Amino acid sequence: MSIVKSFKNLSPFEFWLWICSVIVIFCCFIFGNNFNLLTLIASLIGVTALIFVAKGDVIGQVLTVVFSIVYAIISFKFRYYGEMITYLGMTTPMAVLAVISWIRNPFSEKQVKVAKLKKGQVIIMLILAVVVTAAFYFILKYFNNANLFISTLSITTSFLASYLTYCRSSFYGLAYAANDVVLIILWILASVKDISYLPMVICFVIFFINDMYGFFNWQRMQKNQTKAS
């Protein structure tokens, strides 16, 4: 597992998608009203993780673990306890499980084997999503979490995305894109109170673009793997 090899395996389009994403995020932070180093670091790690996840490269999941921890710290600072608890208690462990799952199910040295979602997995996913959402709603309500409804919705979409990533389903991209939309709204509300959080809005817009690319690329990967098999 080498990040240098992972970068070499990117297609020209993927490489320039990553470069453009990094430049946009970096400029937003540099020319923003208030420079926040931690949010810049989180954004750069996150967008780098996404391009490798979209590629089906396990190193993307490793970077997701790092991003989750840094993002949780940022969320704690703004009293978004739902985001903090979700990323530390759910996204990070699920990312670790995904690393194990992807390592155990390679299609090639460069790419994970895409799996079709089974009916049983869908049923389990929906049941767990309801349970997790309900549990976190009352937890967040107890802590008087900022923007309770949106934060709870973010938990639901985060869980679905994490579960689908673990299952190696191409639909992970759609779930993460839905989560990005929720987070865009969440950080817009934060930016209204503190403009220094505006770069996080831009960050998740870029994440949305990358996640949508991930969905379409995984669809293509699945077709190519089926033909090769």
C-alpha atoms as a PDB file:
ATOM      1  CA  MET A   1       0.000   0.000   0.000  1.00  0.00           C
ATOM      2  CA  SER A   2       1.803   3.094  -1.292  1.00  0.00           C
ATOM      3  CA  ILE A   3       0.291   6.521  -1.820  1.00  0.00           C
ATOM      4  CA  VAL A   4       2.908   7.227  -4.503  1.00  0.00           C
ATOM      5  CA  LYS A   5       1.751   4.189  -6.494  1.00  0.00           C
ATOM      6  CA  SER A   6      -1.849   5.190  -5.889  1.00  0.00           C
ATOM      7  CA  PHE A   7      -1.224   8.608  -7.444  1.00  0.00           C
ATOM      8  CA  LYS A   8       0.508   6.968 -10.411  1.00  0.00           C
ATOM      9  CA  ASN A   9      -2.549   4.762 -10.948  1.00  0.00           C
ATOM     10  CA  LEU A  10      -4.881   7.750 -11.332  1.00  0.00           C
ATOM     11  CA  SER A  11      -6.127   8.431 -14.849  1.00  0.00           C
ATOM     12  CA  PRO A  12      -5.400  11.888 -16.330  1.00  0.00           C
ATOM     13  CA  PHE A  13      -9.018  12.913 -15.648  1.00  0.00           C
ATOM     14  CA  GLU A  14      -8.872  11.702 -12.031  1.00  0.00           C
ATOM     15  CA  PHE A  15      -5.544  13.433 -11.455  1.00  0.00           C
ATOM     16  CA  TRP A  16      -6.827  16.761 -12.773  1.00  0.00           C
ATOM     17  CA  LEU A  17     -10.095  16.377 -10.871  1.00  0.00           C
ATOM     18  CA  TRP A  18      -8.009  16.029  -7.710  1.00  0.00           C
ATOM     19  CA  ILE A  19      -5.721  18.954  -8.640  1.00  0.00           C
ATOM     20  CA  CYS A  20      -8.665  21.254  -9.407  1.00  0.00           C
ATOM     21  CA  SER A  21     -10.417  20.219  -6.183  1.00  0.00           C
ATOM     22  CA  VAL A  22      -7.295  20.947  -4.133  1.00  0.00           C
ATOM     23  CA  ILE A  23      -6.763  24.332  -5.812  1.00  0.00           C
ATOM     24  CA  VAL A  24     -10.378  25.451  -5.272  1.00  0.00           C
ATOM     25  CA  ILE A  25     -10.343  24.394  -1.613  1.00  0.00           C
ATOM     26  CA  PHE A  26      -6.924  25.949  -0.972  1.00  0.00           C
ATOM     27  CA  CYS A  27      -7.935  29.259  -2.571  1.00  0.00           C
ATOM     28  CA  CYS A  28     -11.149  29.395  -0.537  1.00  0.00           C
ATOM     29  CA  PHE A  29      -9.169  29.119   2.670  1.00  0.00           C
ATOM     30  CA  ILE A  30      -6.310  31.420   1.688  1.00  0.00           C
ATOM     31  CA  PHE A  31      -8.563  34.223   0.451  1.00  0.00           C
ATOM     32  CA  GLY A  32     -11.288  33.705   3.032  1.00  0.00           C
ATOM     33  CA  ASN A  33     -12.000  36.202   5.801  1.00  0.00           C
ATOM     34  CA  ASN A  34     -10.580  33.961   8.512  1.00  0.00           C
ATOM     35  CA  PHE A  35      -7.920  31.365   7.805  1.00  0.00           C
ATOM     36  CA  ASN A  36      -8.511  28.136   9.714  1.00  0.00           C
ATOM     37  CA  LEU A  37      -5.650  25.671   9.320  1.00  0.00           C
ATOM     38  CA  LEU A  38      -7.524  22.710  10.791  1.00  0.00           C
ATOM     39  CA  THR A  39     -10.464  22.963   8.400  1.00  0.00           C
ATOM     40  CA  LEU A  40      -8.029  23.356   5.488  1.00  0.00           C
ATOM     41  CA  ILE A  41      -6.171  20.198   6.498  1.00  0.00           C
ATOM     42  CA  ALA A  42      -9.436  18.270   6.897  1.00  0.00           C
ATOM     43  CA  SER A  43     -10.682  19.418   3.502  1.00  0.00           C
ATOM     44  CA  LEU A  44      -7.472  18.468   1.681  1.00  0.00           C
ATOM     45  CA  ILE A  45      -7.328  15.048   3.337  1.00  0.00           C
ATOM     46  CA  GLY A  46     -11.008  14.483   2.613  1.00  0.00           C
ATOM     47  CA  VAL A  47     -10.881  15.344  -1.075  1.00  0.00           C
ATOM     48  CA  THR A  48      -7.761  13.206  -1.522  1.00  0.00           C
ATOM     49  CA  ALA A  49      -9.492  10.286   0.171  1.00  0.00           C
ATOM     50  CA  LEU A  50     -12.500  10.652  -2.125  1.00  0.00           C
ATOM     51  CA  ILE A  51     -10.527  10.412  -5.363  1.00  0.00           C
ATOM     52  CA  PHE A  52      -8.907   7.169  -4.216  1.00  0.00           C
ATOM     53  CA  VAL A  53     -12.196   5.731  -2.954  1.00  0.00           C
ATOM     54  CA  ALA A  54     -13.723   6.594  -6.341  1.00  0.00           C
ATOM     55  CA  LYS A  55     -10.816   4.690  -7.890  1.00  0.00           C
ATOM     56  CA  GLY A  56     -11.503   1.661  -5.675  1.00  0.00           C
ATOM     57  CA  ASP A  57      -8.122   2.063  -3.979  1.00  0.00           C
ATOM     58  CA  VAL A  58      -8.006   0.926  -0.344  1.00  0.00           C
ATOM     59  CA  ILE A  59      -5.738   3.822   0.617  1.00  0.00           C
ATOM     60  CA  GLY A  60      -8.785   6.040   0.204  1.00  0.00           C
ATOM     61  CA  GLN A  61     -10.380   4.306   3.190  1.00  0.00           C
ATOM     62  CA  VAL A  62      -7.220   4.791   5.250  1.00  0.00           C
ATOM     63  CA  LEU A  63      -7.350   8.520   4.533  1.00  0.00           C
ATOM     64  CA  THR A  64     -11.053   8.493   5.411  1.00  0.00           C
ATOM     65  CA  VAL A  65     -10.138   7.369   8.932  1.00  0.00           C
ATOM     66  CA  VAL A  66      -7.749  10.312   9.281  1.00  0.00           C
ATOM     67  CA  PHE A  67     -10.297  12.753   7.857  1.00  0.00           C
ATOM     68  CA  SER A  68     -12.994  11.505  10.238  1.00  0.00           C
ATOM     69  CA  ILE A  69     -10.872  12.239  13.289  1.00  0.00           C
ATOM     70  CA  VAL A  70      -9.896  15.745  12.162  1.00  0.00           C
ATOM     71  CA  TYR A  71     -13.461  16.540  11.071  1.00  0.00           C
ATOM     72  CA  ALA A  72     -14.794  15.390  14.445  1.00  0.00           C
ATOM     73  CA  ILE A  73     -12.514  17.908  16.174  1.00  0.00           C
ATOM     74  CA  ILE A  74     -13.844  20.719  13.957  1.00  0.00           C
ATOM     75  CA  SER A  75     -17.444  19.678  14.608  1.00  0.00           C
ATOM     76  CA  PHE A  76     -16.849  19.671  18.366  1.00  0.00           C
ATOM     77  CA  LYS A  77     -15.614  23.259  18.208  1.00  0.00           C
ATOM     78  CA  PHE A  78     -18.911  24.375  16.663  1.00  0.00           C
ATOM     79  CA  ARG A  79     -21.076  22.213  18.958  1.00  0.00           C
ATOM     80  CA  TYR A  80     -22.149  19.915  16.138  1.00  0.00           C
ATOM     81  CA  TYR A  81     -22.062  16.974  18.505  1.00  0.00           C
ATOM     82  CA  GLY A  82     -23.970  14.829  16.044  1.00  0.00           C
ATOM     83  CA  GLU A  83     -21.232  15.197  13.459  1.00  0.00           C
ATOM     84  CA  MET A  84     -18.534  14.583  16.068  1.00  0.00           C
ATOM     85  CA  ILE A  85     -20.184  11.472  17.517  1.00  0.00           C
ATOM     86  CA  THR A  86     -21.112  10.179  14.061  1.00  0.00           C
ATOM     87  CA  TYR A  87     -17.603  10.434  12.676  1.00  0.00           C
ATOM     88  CA  LEU A  88     -15.811   9.117  15.761  1.00  0.00           C
ATOM     89  CA  GLY A  89     -18.371   6.472  16.714  1.00  0.00           C
ATOM     90  CA  MET A  90     -19.589   5.358  13.299  1.00  0.00           C
ATOM     91  CA  THR A  91     -17.719   6.669  10.253  1.00  0.00           C
ATOM     92  CA  THR A  92     -14.256   5.923  11.623  1.00  0.00           C
ATOM     93  CA  PRO A  93     -15.021   2.334  12.737  1.00  0.00           C
ATOM     94  CA  MET A  94     -16.892   1.679   9.476  1.00  0.00           C
ATOM     95  CA  ALA A  95     -13.937   3.014   7.504  1.00  0.00           C
ATOM     96  CA  VAL A  96     -11.640   0.631   9.398  1.00  0.00           C
ATOM     97  CA  LEU A  97     -14.000  -2.258   8.611  1.00  0.00           C
ATOM     98  CA  ALA A  98     -14.072  -1.124   4.982  1.00  0.00           C
ATOM     99  CA  VAL A  99     -10.266  -1.221   4.859  1.00  0.00           C
ATOM    100  CA  ILE A 100     -10.374  -4.838   6.041  1.00  0.00           C
ATOM    101  CA  SER A 101     -13.196  -5.715   3.633  1.00  0.00           C
ATOM    102  CA  TRP A 102     -11.434  -4.128   0.664  1.00  0.00           C
ATOM    103  CA  ILE A 103      -8.112  -5.799   1.450  1.00  0.00           C
ATOM    104  CA  ARG A 104      -9.840  -9.178   1.658  1.00  0.00           C
ATOM    105  CA  ASN A 105     -11.736  -8.673  -1.601  1.00  0.00           C
ATOM    106  CA  PRO A 106      -9.352  -7.324  -4.243  1.00  0.00           C
ATOM    107  CA  PHE A 107     -10.137  -7.535  -7.949  1.00  0.00           C
ATOM    108  CA  SER A 108      -6.570  -6.611  -8.749  1.00  0.00           C
ATOM    109  CA  GLU A 109      -3.603  -5.050  -6.998  1.00  0.00           C
ATOM    110  CA  LYS A 110      -4.988  -1.613  -7.901  1.00  0.00           C
ATOM    111  CA  GLN A 111      -8.714  -2.101  -7.396  1.00  0.00           C
ATOM    112  CA  VAL A 112     -11.279  -3.546  -4.983  1.00  0.00           C
ATOM    113  CA  LYS A 113     -13.874  -6.025  -6.245  1.00  0.00           C
ATOM    114  CA  VAL A 114     -17.244  -4.303  -6.646  1.00  0.00           C
ATOM    115  CA  ALA A 115     -20.095  -6.290  -5.091  1.00  0.00           C
ATOM    116  CA  LYS A 116     -23.803  -6.379  -5.897  1.00  0.00           C
ATOM    117  CA  LEU A 117     -25.974  -5.434  -2.936  1.00  0.00           C
ATOM    118  CA  LYS A 118     -28.003  -8.414  -1.737  1.00  0.00           C
ATOM    119  CA  LYS A 119     -31.592  -8.225  -0.542  1.00  0.00           C
ATOM    120  CA  GLY A 120     -30.595  -9.288   2.969  1.00  0.00           C
ATOM    121  CA  GLN A 121     -27.983  -6.555   3.154  1.00  0.00           C
ATOM    122  CA  VAL A 122     -30.558  -3.949   2.134  1.00  0.00           C
ATOM    123  CA  ILE A 123     -32.982  -5.086   4.843  1.00  0.00           C
ATOM    124  CA  ILE A 124     -30.259  -5.024   7.506  1.00  0.00           C
ATOM    125  CA  MET A 125     -29.108  -1.601   6.302  1.00  0.00           C
ATOM    126  CA  LEU A 126     -32.591  -0.084   6.547  1.00  0.00           C
ATOM    127  CA  ILE A 127     -33.266  -1.557   9.988  1.00  0.00           C
ATOM    128  CA  LEU A 128     -29.925  -0.364  11.346  1.00  0.00           C
ATOM    129  CA  ALA A 129     -30.435   3.069   9.771  1.00  0.00           C
ATOM    130  CA  VAL A 130     -33.744   3.493  11.611  1.00  0.00           C
ATOM    131  CA  VAL A 131     -32.248   2.320  14.910  1.00  0.00           C
ATOM    132  CA  VAL A 132     -29.126   4.489  14.603  1.00  0.00           C
ATOM    133  CA  THR A 133     -31.135   7.556  13.572  1.00  0.00           C
ATOM    134  CA  ALA A 134     -33.616   7.192  16.429  1.00  0.00           C
ATOM    135  CA  ALA A 135     -30.877   6.625  19.006  1.00  0.00           C
ATOM    136  CA  PHE A 136     -28.810   9.590  17.888  1.00  0.00           C
ATOM    137  CA  TYR A 137     -31.829  11.877  17.722  1.00  0.00           C
ATOM    138  CA  PHE A 138     -32.433  11.526  21.464  1.00  0.00           C
ATOM    139  CA  ILE A 139     -28.713  11.753  22.228  1.00  0.00           C
ATOM    140  CA  LEU A 140     -28.400  14.983  20.258  1.00  0.00           C
ATOM    141  CA  LYS A 141     -31.574  16.367  21.765  1.00  0.00           C
ATOM    142  CA  TYR A 142     -30.172  15.728  25.241  1.00  0.00           C
ATOM    143  CA  PHE A 143     -27.007  17.667  24.361  1.00  0.00           C
ATOM    144  CA  ASN A 144     -29.078  20.470  22.814  1.00  0.00           C
ATOM    145  CA  ASN A 145     -27.282  20.007  19.514  1.00  0.00           C
ATOM    146  CA  ALA A 146     -27.247  22.892  17.057  1.00  0.00           C
ATOM    147  CA  ASN A 147     -29.638  22.391  14.091  1.00  0.00           C
ATOM    148  CA  LEU A 148     -31.032  19.151  15.512  1.00  0.00           C
ATOM    149  CA  PHE A 149     -33.088  17.996  12.512  1.00  0.00           C
ATOM    150  CA  ILE A 150     -30.342  18.507   9.924  1.00  0.00           C
ATOM    151  CA  SER A 151     -27.713  16.961  12.193  1.00  0.00           C
ATOM    152  CA  THR A 152     -29.921  13.888  12.679  1.00  0.00           C
ATOM    153  CA  LEU A 153     -30.488  13.608   8.930  1.00  0.00           C
ATOM    154  CA  SER A 154     -26.731  13.784   8.467  1.00  0.00           C
ATOM    155  CA  ILE A 155     -26.369  10.754  10.730  1.00  0.00           C
ATOM    156  CA  THR A 156     -28.785   8.766   8.574  1.00  0.00           C
ATOM    157  CA  THR A 157     -27.023   9.587   5.314  1.00  0.00           C
ATOM    158  CA  SER A 158     -23.584   9.035   6.870  1.00  0.00           C
ATOM    159  CA  PHE A 159     -24.578   5.597   8.095  1.00  0.00           C
ATOM    160  CA  LEU A 160     -26.023   4.580   4.725  1.00  0.00           C
ATOM    161  CA  ALA A 161     -22.875   5.765   2.956  1.00  0.00           C
ATOM    162  CA  SER A 162     -20.553   3.986   5.397  1.00  0.00           C
ATOM    163  CA  TYR A 163     -22.549   0.757   5.220  1.00  0.00           C
ATOM    164  CA  LEU A 164     -22.601   0.750   1.411  1.00  0.00           C
ATOM    165  CA  THR A 165     -18.864   1.457   1.300  1.00  0.00           C
ATOM    166  CA  TYR A 166     -18.235  -1.503   3.602  1.00  0.00           C
ATOM    167  CA  CYS A 167     -20.424  -3.678   1.336  1.00  0.00           C
ATOM    168  CA  ARG A 168     -18.388  -2.494  -1.680  1.00  0.00           C
ATOM    169  CA  SER A 169     -21.520  -1.258  -3.440  1.00  0.00           C
ATOM    170  CA  SER A 170     -21.369   1.346  -6.208  1.00  0.00           C
ATOM    171  CA  PHE A 171     -24.325   3.085  -4.563  1.00  0.00           C
ATOM    172  CA  TYR A 172     -21.992   4.330  -1.828  1.00  0.00           C
ATOM    173  CA  GLY A 173     -21.366   7.352  -4.062  1.00  0.00           C
ATOM    174  CA  LEU A 174     -25.028   8.349  -4.159  1.00  0.00           C
ATOM    175  CA  ALA A 175     -25.339   7.990  -0.386  1.00  0.00           C
ATOM    176  CA  TYR A 176     -22.262  10.131   0.209  1.00  0.00           C
ATOM    177  CA  ALA A 177     -23.534  12.702  -2.312  1.00  0.00           C
ATOM    178  CA  ALA A 178     -26.795  12.902  -0.346  1.00  0.00           C
ATOM    179  CA  ASN A 179     -24.772  13.331   2.828  1.00  0.00           C
ATOM    180  CA  ASP A 180     -22.771  16.102   1.157  1.00  0.00           C
ATOM    181  CA  VAL A 181     -25.987  18.003   0.402  1.00  0.00           C
ATOM    182  CA  VAL A 182     -27.017  17.748   4.051  1.00  0.00           C
ATOM    183  CA  LEU A 183     -23.604  18.934   5.204  1.00  0.00           C
ATOM    184  CA  ILE A 184     -23.627  21.828   2.748  1.00  0.00           C
ATOM    185  CA  ILE A 185     -26.847  23.039   4.389  1.00  0.00           C
ATOM    186  CA  LEU A 186     -25.395  22.420   7.852  1.00  0.00           C
ATOM    187  CA  TRP A 187     -22.253  24.469   7.240  1.00  0.00           C
ATOM    188  CA  ILE A 188     -24.175  27.239   5.474  1.00  0.00           C
ATOM    189  CA  LEU A 189     -26.086  27.673   8.719  1.00  0.00           C
ATOM    190  CA  ALA A 190     -22.779  27.683  10.590  1.00  0.00           C
ATOM    191  CA  SER A 191     -21.352  30.279   8.189  1.00  0.00           C
ATOM    192  CA  VAL A 192     -24.257  32.613   8.865  1.00  0.00           C
ATOM    193  CA  LYS A 193     -22.989  32.840  12.444  1.00  0.00           C
ATOM    194  CA  ASP A 194     -19.265  32.635  11.677  1.00  0.00           C
ATOM    195  CA  ILE A 195     -18.044  33.395   8.150  1.00  0.00           C
ATOM    196  CA  SER A 196     -14.803  31.484   8.800  1.00  0.00           C
ATOM    197  CA  TYR A 197     -16.754  28.261   8.244  1.00  0.00           C
ATOM    198  CA  LEU A 198     -17.698  29.223   4.663  1.00  0.00           C
ATOM    199  CA  PRO A 199     -14.784  27.204   3.210  1.00  0.00           C
ATOM    200  CA  MET A 200     -16.427  24.083   4.666  1.00  0.00           C
ATOM    201  CA  VAL A 201     -19.410  24.777   2.410  1.00  0.00           C
ATOM    202  CA  ILE A 202     -17.101  24.913  -0.622  1.00  0.00           C
ATOM    203  CA  CYS A 203     -15.362  21.812   0.670  1.00  0.00           C
ATOM    204  CA  PHE A 204     -18.530  19.734   0.626  1.00  0.00           C
ATOM    205  CA  VAL A 205     -19.569  21.086  -2.777  1.00  0.00           C
ATOM    206  CA  ILE A 206     -16.269  19.703  -4.078  1.00  0.00           C
ATOM    207  CA  PHE A 207     -16.926  16.489  -2.145  1.00  0.00           C
ATOM    208  CA  PHE A 208     -20.318  16.225  -3.857  1.00  0.00           C
ATOM    209  CA  ILE A 209     -18.719  16.414  -7.315  1.00  0.00           C
ATOM    210  CA  ASN A 210     -16.138  13.777  -6.372  1.00  0.00           C
ATOM    211  CA  ASP A 211     -18.749  11.449  -4.861  1.00  0.00           C
ATOM    212  CA  MET A 212     -20.909  11.637  -7.968  1.00  0.00           C
ATOM    213  CA  TYR A 213     -17.849  10.767 -10.045  1.00  0.00           C
ATOM    214  CA  GLY A 214     -17.242   7.863  -7.658  1.00  0.00           C
ATOM    215  CA  PHE A 215     -20.740   6.489  -8.278  1.00  0.00           C
ATOM    216  CA  PHE A 216     -20.398   6.584 -12.072  1.00  0.00           C
ATOM    217  CA  ASN A 217     -16.844   5.227 -11.996  1.00  0.00           C
ATOM    218  CA  TRP A 218     -17.863   2.308  -9.756  1.00  0.00           C
ATOM    219  CA  GLN A 219     -20.694   1.519 -12.176  1.00  0.00           C
ATOM    220  CA  ARG A 220     -18.088   1.364 -14.931  1.00  0.00           C
ATOM    221  CA  MET A 221     -15.747  -0.679 -12.759  1.00  0.00           C
ATOM    222  CA  GLN A 222     -18.499  -3.195 -12.074  1.00  0.00           C
ATOM    223  CA  LYS A 223     -19.234  -3.644 -15.784  1.00  0.00           C
ATOM    224  CA  ASN A 224     -15.544  -4.059 -16.634  1.00  0.00           C
ATOM    225  CA  GLN A 225     -15.020  -6.550 -13.802  1.00  0.00           C
ATOM    226  CA  THR A 226     -18.055  -8.576 -14.897  1.00  0.00           C
ATOM    227  CA  LYS A 227     -16.701  -8.749 -18.456  1.00  0.00           C
ATOM    228  CA  ALA A 228     -13.224  -9.714 -17.229  1.00  0.00           C
ATOM    229  CA  SER A 229     -14.674 -12.504 -15.077  1.00  0.00           C
END
